[in-house]
Amino acid sequence: MRQQVNIDVRQPSNIAHTGVRRAVLFMGLGLNAMQRKDFRDYQLHKLELQPGRTSLPIDFFPSDLPPKRVDEFKKEFSFWIVGCGVREMLEHYALLLDHIHKYGLLVQQVRGLLAERDPQKEHRTFHRNGRLPRSCASCTNC
């Protein structure tokens, strides 16, 4: 008996594209802010209060840091922003690989190639093989 499996490859593709789009957008916002000479605000208490949000009542840094010190922080911020962007892409890439693995197991199961192996257990084992942890709560495709 022949079985047909239809796999929508757009879903995992959308996950990968979401990660790239988010990384590019957020790195652009952060790096553009960092490069602005007039961007000198580093204190959280200066943020405008939004309904339902509270402010941080304490400062961790003096309010009068020398401009050279703020420039050093901005340089470190640029490294952090790029690292976060790369992490975002890697997390979504890991989710893409999860879906590819799951679809591969489905095809193997339909073709009778899994024998006695449980596809759900195989997929859980795949999750524990040193990949990045999931942390894309904002990704609706997952």
N, C-alpha and C. Protein backbone atom coordinates (compact mmCIF):
# COMPACT_ATOMS: atom_id res chain seq x y z
N MET A 1 0.84 -1.18 0.00
CA MET A 1 0.00 0.00 0.00
C MET A 1 0.89 1.25 0.00
N ARG A 2 0.60 2.13 -0.90
CA ARG A 2 1.40 3.34 -1.04
C ARG A 2 0.75 4.47 -0.23
N GLN A 3 1.61 5.19 0.53
CA GLN A 3 1.13 6.33 1.30
C GLN A 3 1.79 7.59 0.79
N GLN A 4 1.07 8.68 0.90
CA GLN A 4 1.60 9.96 0.48
C GLN A 4 1.70 10.87 1.69
N VAL A 5 2.83 11.57 1.79
CA VAL A 5 3.05 12.53 2.87
C VAL A 5 3.26 13.89 2.25
N ASN A 6 2.49 14.85 2.68
CA ASN A 6 2.65 16.22 2.23
C ASN A 6 3.28 17.02 3.35
N ILE A 7 4.40 17.65 3.03
CA ILE A 7 5.11 18.45 4.02
C ILE A 7 5.16 19.89 3.52
N ASP A 8 4.69 20.79 4.36
CA ASP A 8 4.71 22.21 4.03
C ASP A 8 6.06 22.79 4.46
N VAL A 9 6.96 22.96 3.51
CA VAL A 9 8.30 23.44 3.83
C VAL A 9 8.32 24.96 4.08
N ARG A 10 7.18 25.61 3.87
CA ARG A 10 7.14 27.05 4.15
C ARG A 10 7.25 27.34 5.64
N GLN A 11 6.69 26.46 6.48
CA GLN A 11 6.72 26.71 7.93
C GLN A 11 8.16 26.78 8.46
N PRO A 12 9.00 25.77 8.23
CA PRO A 12 10.37 25.92 8.73
C PRO A 12 11.13 27.03 8.03
N SER A 13 10.83 27.26 6.77
CA SER A 13 11.47 28.36 6.05
C SER A 13 11.10 29.70 6.69
N ASN A 14 9.84 29.86 7.07
CA ASN A 14 9.40 31.09 7.73
C ASN A 14 10.12 31.29 9.06
N ILE A 15 10.37 30.21 9.78
CA ILE A 15 11.09 30.30 11.05
C ILE A 15 12.49 30.85 10.81
N ALA A 16 13.18 30.33 9.83
CA ALA A 16 14.53 30.80 9.52
C ALA A 16 14.52 32.26 9.09
N HIS A 17 13.58 32.60 8.23
CA HIS A 17 13.49 33.98 7.75
C HIS A 17 13.14 34.94 8.89
N THR A 18 12.30 34.51 9.80
CA THR A 18 11.95 35.35 10.95
C THR A 18 13.20 35.68 11.75
N GLY A 19 14.03 34.69 12.00
CA GLY A 19 15.26 34.93 12.76
C GLY A 19 16.18 35.91 12.08
N VAL A 20 16.33 35.79 10.78
CA VAL A 20 17.20 36.70 10.04
C VAL A 20 16.62 38.11 10.05
N ARG A 21 15.31 38.23 9.78
CA ARG A 21 14.69 39.56 9.76
C ARG A 21 14.80 40.25 11.11
N ARG A 22 14.52 39.51 12.20
CA ARG A 22 14.62 40.09 13.54
C ARG A 22 16.06 40.53 13.84
N ALA A 23 17.01 39.69 13.51
CA ALA A 23 18.41 40.02 13.79
C ALA A 23 18.84 41.27 13.03
N VAL A 24 18.50 41.34 11.75
CA VAL A 24 18.89 42.49 10.94
C VAL A 24 18.23 43.77 11.46
N LEU A 25 16.95 43.69 11.77
CA LEU A 25 16.23 44.86 12.25
C LEU A 25 16.77 45.33 13.60
N PHE A 26 16.93 44.42 14.54
CA PHE A 26 17.37 44.80 15.88
C PHE A 26 18.83 45.27 15.88
N MET A 27 19.68 44.62 15.08
CA MET A 27 21.06 45.10 14.98
C MET A 27 21.08 46.49 14.35
N GLY A 28 20.24 46.71 13.36
CA GLY A 28 20.17 48.04 12.74
C GLY A 28 19.76 49.10 13.73
N LEU A 29 18.72 48.83 14.52
CA LEU A 29 18.28 49.80 15.52
C LEU A 29 19.39 50.07 16.54
N GLY A 30 19.98 49.01 17.06
CA GLY A 30 21.00 49.17 18.09
C GLY A 30 22.26 49.83 17.59
N LEU A 31 22.75 49.40 16.43
CA LEU A 31 24.00 49.97 15.92
C LEU A 31 23.82 51.41 15.44
N ASN A 32 22.66 51.73 14.88
CA ASN A 32 22.40 53.12 14.50
C ASN A 32 22.31 54.02 15.73
N ALA A 33 21.67 53.53 16.79
CA ALA A 33 21.61 54.31 18.03
C ALA A 33 23.01 54.50 18.60
N MET A 34 23.80 53.45 18.59
CA MET A 34 25.15 53.50 19.15
C MET A 34 26.02 54.50 18.41
N GLN A 35 25.85 54.62 17.11
CA GLN A 35 26.71 55.49 16.31
C GLN A 35 26.31 56.97 16.37
N ARG A 36 25.13 57.25 16.89
CA ARG A 36 24.72 58.65 17.00
C ARG A 36 25.55 59.34 18.08
N LYS A 37 26.18 60.44 17.74
CA LYS A 37 27.00 61.19 18.70
C LYS A 37 26.16 61.76 19.83
N ASP A 38 24.91 62.12 19.52
CA ASP A 38 24.05 62.73 20.55
C ASP A 38 23.37 61.69 21.45
N PHE A 39 23.56 60.44 21.15
CA PHE A 39 22.95 59.37 21.96
C PHE A 39 23.83 59.13 23.17
N ARG A 40 23.49 59.73 24.30
CA ARG A 40 24.30 59.68 25.50
C ARG A 40 23.53 59.16 26.71
N ASP A 41 22.24 58.90 26.57
CA ASP A 41 21.43 58.46 27.71
C ASP A 41 21.66 56.99 27.99
N TYR A 42 22.07 56.70 29.20
CA TYR A 42 22.33 55.32 29.62
C TYR A 42 21.60 54.99 30.92
N GLN A 43 20.85 55.93 31.45
CA GLN A 43 20.18 55.70 32.73
C GLN A 43 18.73 55.27 32.51
N LEU A 44 18.36 54.17 33.14
CA LEU A 44 17.01 53.63 32.95
C LEU A 44 15.92 54.53 33.51
N HIS A 45 16.23 55.28 34.55
CA HIS A 45 15.18 56.12 35.14
C HIS A 45 14.74 57.25 34.21
N LYS A 46 15.50 57.49 33.13
CA LYS A 46 15.12 58.52 32.17
C LYS A 46 14.06 58.04 31.18
N LEU A 47 13.81 56.75 31.15
CA LEU A 47 12.79 56.23 30.23
C LEU A 47 11.41 56.73 30.66
N GLU A 48 10.61 57.07 29.67
CA GLU A 48 9.25 57.52 29.96
C GLU A 48 8.45 56.35 30.51
N LEU A 49 7.74 56.59 31.59
CA LEU A 49 6.93 55.53 32.19
C LEU A 49 5.73 55.23 31.30
N GLN A 50 5.51 53.95 31.08
CA GLN A 50 4.37 53.47 30.30
C GLN A 50 3.33 52.92 31.27
N PRO A 51 2.06 52.94 30.91
CA PRO A 51 1.04 52.37 31.80
C PRO A 51 1.35 50.91 32.13
N GLY A 52 1.31 50.58 33.39
CA GLY A 52 1.56 49.21 33.82
C GLY A 52 3.02 48.89 34.04
N ARG A 53 3.92 49.81 33.78
CA ARG A 53 5.34 49.59 33.98
C ARG A 53 5.84 50.40 35.17
N THR A 54 6.83 49.88 35.81
CA THR A 54 7.44 50.62 36.90
C THR A 54 8.85 51.03 36.51
N SER A 55 9.37 52.01 37.19
CA SER A 55 10.73 52.46 36.88
C SER A 55 11.72 51.77 37.80
N LEU A 56 12.97 51.84 37.43
CA LEU A 56 14.03 51.36 38.31
C LEU A 56 14.42 52.51 39.23
N PRO A 57 14.24 52.36 40.53
CA PRO A 57 14.46 53.49 41.44
C PRO A 57 15.94 53.78 41.72
N ILE A 58 16.83 52.90 41.30
CA ILE A 58 18.24 53.12 41.62
C ILE A 58 19.05 53.24 40.35
N ASP A 59 20.15 53.93 40.46
CA ASP A 59 21.09 54.04 39.35
C ASP A 59 22.32 53.22 39.69
N PHE A 60 22.86 52.56 38.70
CA PHE A 60 24.06 51.76 38.88
C PHE A 60 25.32 52.52 38.49
N PHE A 61 25.13 53.60 37.74
CA PHE A 61 26.26 54.42 37.28
C PHE A 61 25.97 55.87 37.62
N PRO A 62 27.00 56.64 37.86
CA PRO A 62 26.79 58.07 38.13
C PRO A 62 26.16 58.76 36.93
N SER A 63 25.43 59.81 37.17
CA SER A 63 24.74 60.51 36.08
C SER A 63 25.68 61.39 35.27
N ASP A 64 26.90 61.57 35.72
CA ASP A 64 27.81 62.47 35.04
C ASP A 64 29.07 61.75 34.53
N LEU A 65 28.89 60.58 33.93
CA LEU A 65 30.04 59.87 33.39
C LEU A 65 30.72 60.72 32.31
N PRO A 66 32.04 60.69 32.25
CA PRO A 66 32.74 61.44 31.21
C PRO A 66 32.36 60.90 29.82
N PRO A 67 32.30 61.77 28.83
CA PRO A 67 31.94 61.34 27.47
C PRO A 67 32.81 60.19 26.95
N LYS A 68 34.08 60.20 27.29
CA LYS A 68 34.97 59.13 26.83
C LYS A 68 34.52 57.78 27.39
N ARG A 69 34.08 57.75 28.65
CA ARG A 69 33.61 56.50 29.27
C ARG A 69 32.31 56.02 28.61
N VAL A 70 31.41 56.96 28.31
CA VAL A 70 30.17 56.60 27.62
C VAL A 70 30.50 56.03 26.23
N ASP A 71 31.47 56.62 25.56
CA ASP A 71 31.89 56.11 24.25
C ASP A 71 32.42 54.68 24.36
N GLU A 72 33.15 54.38 25.44
CA GLU A 72 33.63 53.01 25.66
C GLU A 72 32.45 52.05 25.85
N PHE A 73 31.46 52.49 26.61
CA PHE A 73 30.26 51.66 26.80
C PHE A 73 29.53 51.45 25.48
N LYS A 74 29.45 52.49 24.67
CA LYS A 74 28.78 52.37 23.38
C LYS A 74 29.51 51.38 22.47
N LYS A 75 30.83 51.38 22.53
CA LYS A 75 31.60 50.42 21.73
C LYS A 75 31.29 48.99 22.19
N GLU A 76 31.27 48.76 23.50
CA GLU A 76 30.92 47.44 24.02
C GLU A 76 29.49 47.07 23.65
N PHE A 77 28.61 48.06 23.65
CA PHE A 77 27.21 47.85 23.27
C PHE A 77 27.13 47.34 21.83
N SER A 78 27.97 47.87 20.94
CA SER A 78 27.93 47.43 19.55
C SER A 78 28.32 45.95 19.43
N PHE A 79 29.31 45.51 20.20
CA PHE A 79 29.69 44.10 20.20
C PHE A 79 28.54 43.24 20.73
N TRP A 80 27.89 43.73 21.78
CA TRP A 80 26.78 43.00 22.39
C TRP A 80 25.62 42.87 21.41
N ILE A 81 25.30 43.96 20.71
CA ILE A 81 24.20 43.95 19.74
C ILE A 81 24.47 42.93 18.64
N VAL A 82 25.67 42.92 18.10
CA VAL A 82 26.01 41.97 17.03
C VAL A 82 25.92 40.54 17.57
N GLY A 83 26.43 40.31 18.78
CA GLY A 83 26.35 38.97 19.39
C GLY A 83 24.91 38.52 19.57
N CYS A 84 24.05 39.44 19.99
CA CYS A 84 22.63 39.11 20.15
C CYS A 84 21.99 38.79 18.81
N GLY A 85 22.37 39.52 17.77
CA GLY A 85 21.83 39.25 16.44
C GLY A 85 22.24 37.88 15.93
N VAL A 86 23.51 37.55 16.13
CA VAL A 86 23.98 36.22 15.71
C VAL A 86 23.26 35.14 16.51
N ARG A 87 23.09 35.36 17.80
CA ARG A 87 22.37 34.40 18.64
C ARG A 87 20.93 34.20 18.15
N GLU A 88 20.27 35.29 17.80
CA GLU A 88 18.90 35.22 17.28
C GLU A 88 18.84 34.34 16.03
N MET A 89 19.79 34.54 15.13
CA MET A 89 19.80 33.74 13.90
C MET A 89 20.10 32.27 14.21
N LEU A 90 21.02 32.01 15.14
CA LEU A 90 21.34 30.63 15.50
C LEU A 90 20.16 29.92 16.16
N GLU A 91 19.43 30.63 17.01
CA GLU A 91 18.27 30.01 17.65
C GLU A 91 17.22 29.62 16.61
N HIS A 92 16.97 30.50 15.66
CA HIS A 92 15.98 30.19 14.62
C HIS A 92 16.50 29.11 13.68
N TYR A 93 17.80 29.09 13.43
CA TYR A 93 18.38 28.02 12.63
C TYR A 93 18.21 26.67 13.33
N ALA A 94 18.40 26.65 14.66
CA ALA A 94 18.20 25.42 15.43
C ALA A 94 16.74 24.96 15.33
N LEU A 95 15.81 25.91 15.37
CA LEU A 95 14.39 25.55 15.22
C LEU A 95 14.11 25.00 13.82
N LEU A 96 14.75 25.58 12.82
CA LEU A 96 14.62 25.07 11.45
C LEU A 96 15.11 23.63 11.39
N LEU A 97 16.26 23.36 11.99
CA LEU A 97 16.80 21.99 11.99
C LEU A 97 15.87 21.03 12.74
N ASP A 98 15.26 21.49 13.82
CA ASP A 98 14.28 20.66 14.54
C ASP A 98 13.16 20.21 13.61
N HIS A 99 12.63 21.16 12.84
CA HIS A 99 11.53 20.82 11.94
C HIS A 99 11.99 19.88 10.82
N ILE A 100 13.16 20.13 10.29
CA ILE A 100 13.68 19.24 9.24
C ILE A 100 13.85 17.83 9.80
N HIS A 101 14.37 17.72 11.02
CA HIS A 101 14.54 16.40 11.64
C HIS A 101 13.19 15.73 11.85
N LYS A 102 12.22 16.49 12.34
CA LYS A 102 10.88 15.94 12.57
C LYS A 102 10.26 15.45 11.26
N TYR A 103 10.41 16.23 10.19
CA TYR A 103 9.87 15.81 8.89
C TYR A 103 10.61 14.58 8.36
N GLY A 104 11.91 14.53 8.58
CA GLY A 104 12.68 13.35 8.17
C GLY A 104 12.21 12.09 8.88
N LEU A 105 11.93 12.21 10.17
CA LEU A 105 11.41 11.07 10.92
C LEU A 105 10.04 10.64 10.40
N LEU A 106 9.22 11.61 10.04
CA LEU A 106 7.89 11.29 9.50
C LEU A 106 8.03 10.50 8.20
N VAL A 107 8.90 10.94 7.33
CA VAL A 107 9.11 10.23 6.07
C VAL A 107 9.63 8.82 6.34
N GLN A 108 10.60 8.69 7.26
CA GLN A 108 11.13 7.36 7.60
C GLN A 108 10.03 6.46 8.15
N GLN A 109 9.16 7.03 8.99
CA GLN A 109 8.09 6.23 9.58
C GLN A 109 7.11 5.75 8.51
N VAL A 110 6.73 6.63 7.62
CA VAL A 110 5.78 6.27 6.56
C VAL A 110 6.39 5.21 5.63
N ARG A 111 7.69 5.29 5.39
CA ARG A 111 8.35 4.33 4.50
C ARG A 111 8.73 3.04 5.23
N GLY A 112 8.45 2.97 6.54
CA GLY A 112 8.74 1.76 7.31
C GLY A 112 10.21 1.59 7.65
N LEU A 113 10.96 2.67 7.69
CA LEU A 113 12.40 2.58 7.93
C LEU A 113 12.80 2.79 9.40
N LEU A 114 11.83 3.07 10.26
CA LEU A 114 12.16 3.29 11.67
C LEU A 114 12.18 1.99 12.47
N ALA A 115 11.64 0.94 11.90
CA ALA A 115 11.54 -0.36 12.59
C ALA A 115 10.78 -0.15 13.90
N GLU A 116 11.40 -0.52 15.01
CA GLU A 116 10.74 -0.42 16.31
C GLU A 116 11.02 0.91 17.02
N ARG A 117 11.79 1.76 16.40
CA ARG A 117 12.14 3.03 17.06
C ARG A 117 10.92 3.95 17.13
N ASP A 118 10.79 4.64 18.25
CA ASP A 118 9.70 5.59 18.47
C ASP A 118 10.12 6.96 17.92
N PRO A 119 9.39 7.49 16.93
CA PRO A 119 9.80 8.77 16.34
C PRO A 119 9.80 9.93 17.34
N GLN A 120 8.86 9.92 18.30
CA GLN A 120 8.84 10.98 19.30
C GLN A 120 10.07 10.92 20.20
N LYS A 121 10.46 9.71 20.59
CA LYS A 121 11.65 9.55 21.42
C LYS A 121 12.90 9.95 20.63
N GLU A 122 12.94 9.57 19.37
CA GLU A 122 14.07 9.94 18.51
C GLU A 122 14.19 11.46 18.42
N HIS A 123 13.05 12.14 18.30
CA HIS A 123 13.06 13.59 18.18
C HIS A 123 13.48 14.25 19.50
N ARG A 124 13.01 13.72 20.62
CA ARG A 124 13.43 14.26 21.93
C ARG A 124 14.94 14.09 22.11
N THR A 125 15.49 12.97 21.69
CA THR A 125 16.93 12.74 21.78
C THR A 125 17.67 13.76 20.93
N PHE A 126 17.13 14.06 19.77
CA PHE A 126 17.73 15.06 18.89
C PHE A 126 17.80 16.42 19.58
N HIS A 127 16.78 16.76 20.36
CA HIS A 127 16.74 18.04 21.08
C HIS A 127 17.88 18.17 22.08
N ARG A 128 18.36 17.09 22.63
CA ARG A 128 19.36 17.15 23.70
C ARG A 128 20.79 17.10 23.17
N ASN A 129 20.97 17.14 21.89
CA ASN A 129 22.31 16.99 21.33
C ASN A 129 23.08 18.31 21.23
N GLY A 130 23.10 19.07 22.30
CA GLY A 130 23.94 20.25 22.39
C GLY A 130 23.53 21.44 21.56
N ARG A 131 22.29 21.49 21.17
CA ARG A 131 21.87 22.64 20.39
C ARG A 131 21.50 23.80 21.30
N LEU A 132 21.21 24.93 20.73
CA LEU A 132 20.86 26.11 21.50
C LEU A 132 19.50 25.91 22.16
N PRO A 133 19.32 26.45 23.35
CA PRO A 133 18.01 26.36 24.00
C PRO A 133 16.99 27.23 23.27
N ARG A 134 15.75 26.86 23.36
CA ARG A 134 14.71 27.65 22.75
C ARG A 134 14.45 28.88 23.60
N SER A 135 14.38 30.01 22.95
CA SER A 135 14.02 31.23 23.68
C SER A 135 13.42 32.24 22.72
N CYS A 136 12.59 31.77 21.83
CA CYS A 136 11.99 32.72 20.89
C CYS A 136 10.49 32.78 21.15
N ALA A 137 10.14 33.25 22.32
CA ALA A 137 8.72 33.33 22.69
C ALA A 137 7.92 34.19 21.73
N SER A 138 8.59 35.11 21.05
CA SER A 138 7.86 35.98 20.14
C SER A 138 7.64 35.36 18.77
N CYS A 139 8.23 34.21 18.52
CA CYS A 139 8.11 33.56 17.22
C CYS A 139 6.83 32.73 17.21
N THR A 140 5.85 33.15 16.43
CA THR A 140 4.56 32.46 16.41
C THR A 140 4.58 31.22 15.53
N ASN A 141 5.67 30.98 14.81
CA ASN A 141 5.73 29.84 13.91
C ASN A 141 6.19 28.56 14.61
N CYS A 142 6.61 28.68 15.86
CA CYS A 142 7.21 27.53 16.53
C CYS A 142 6.18 26.67 17.24
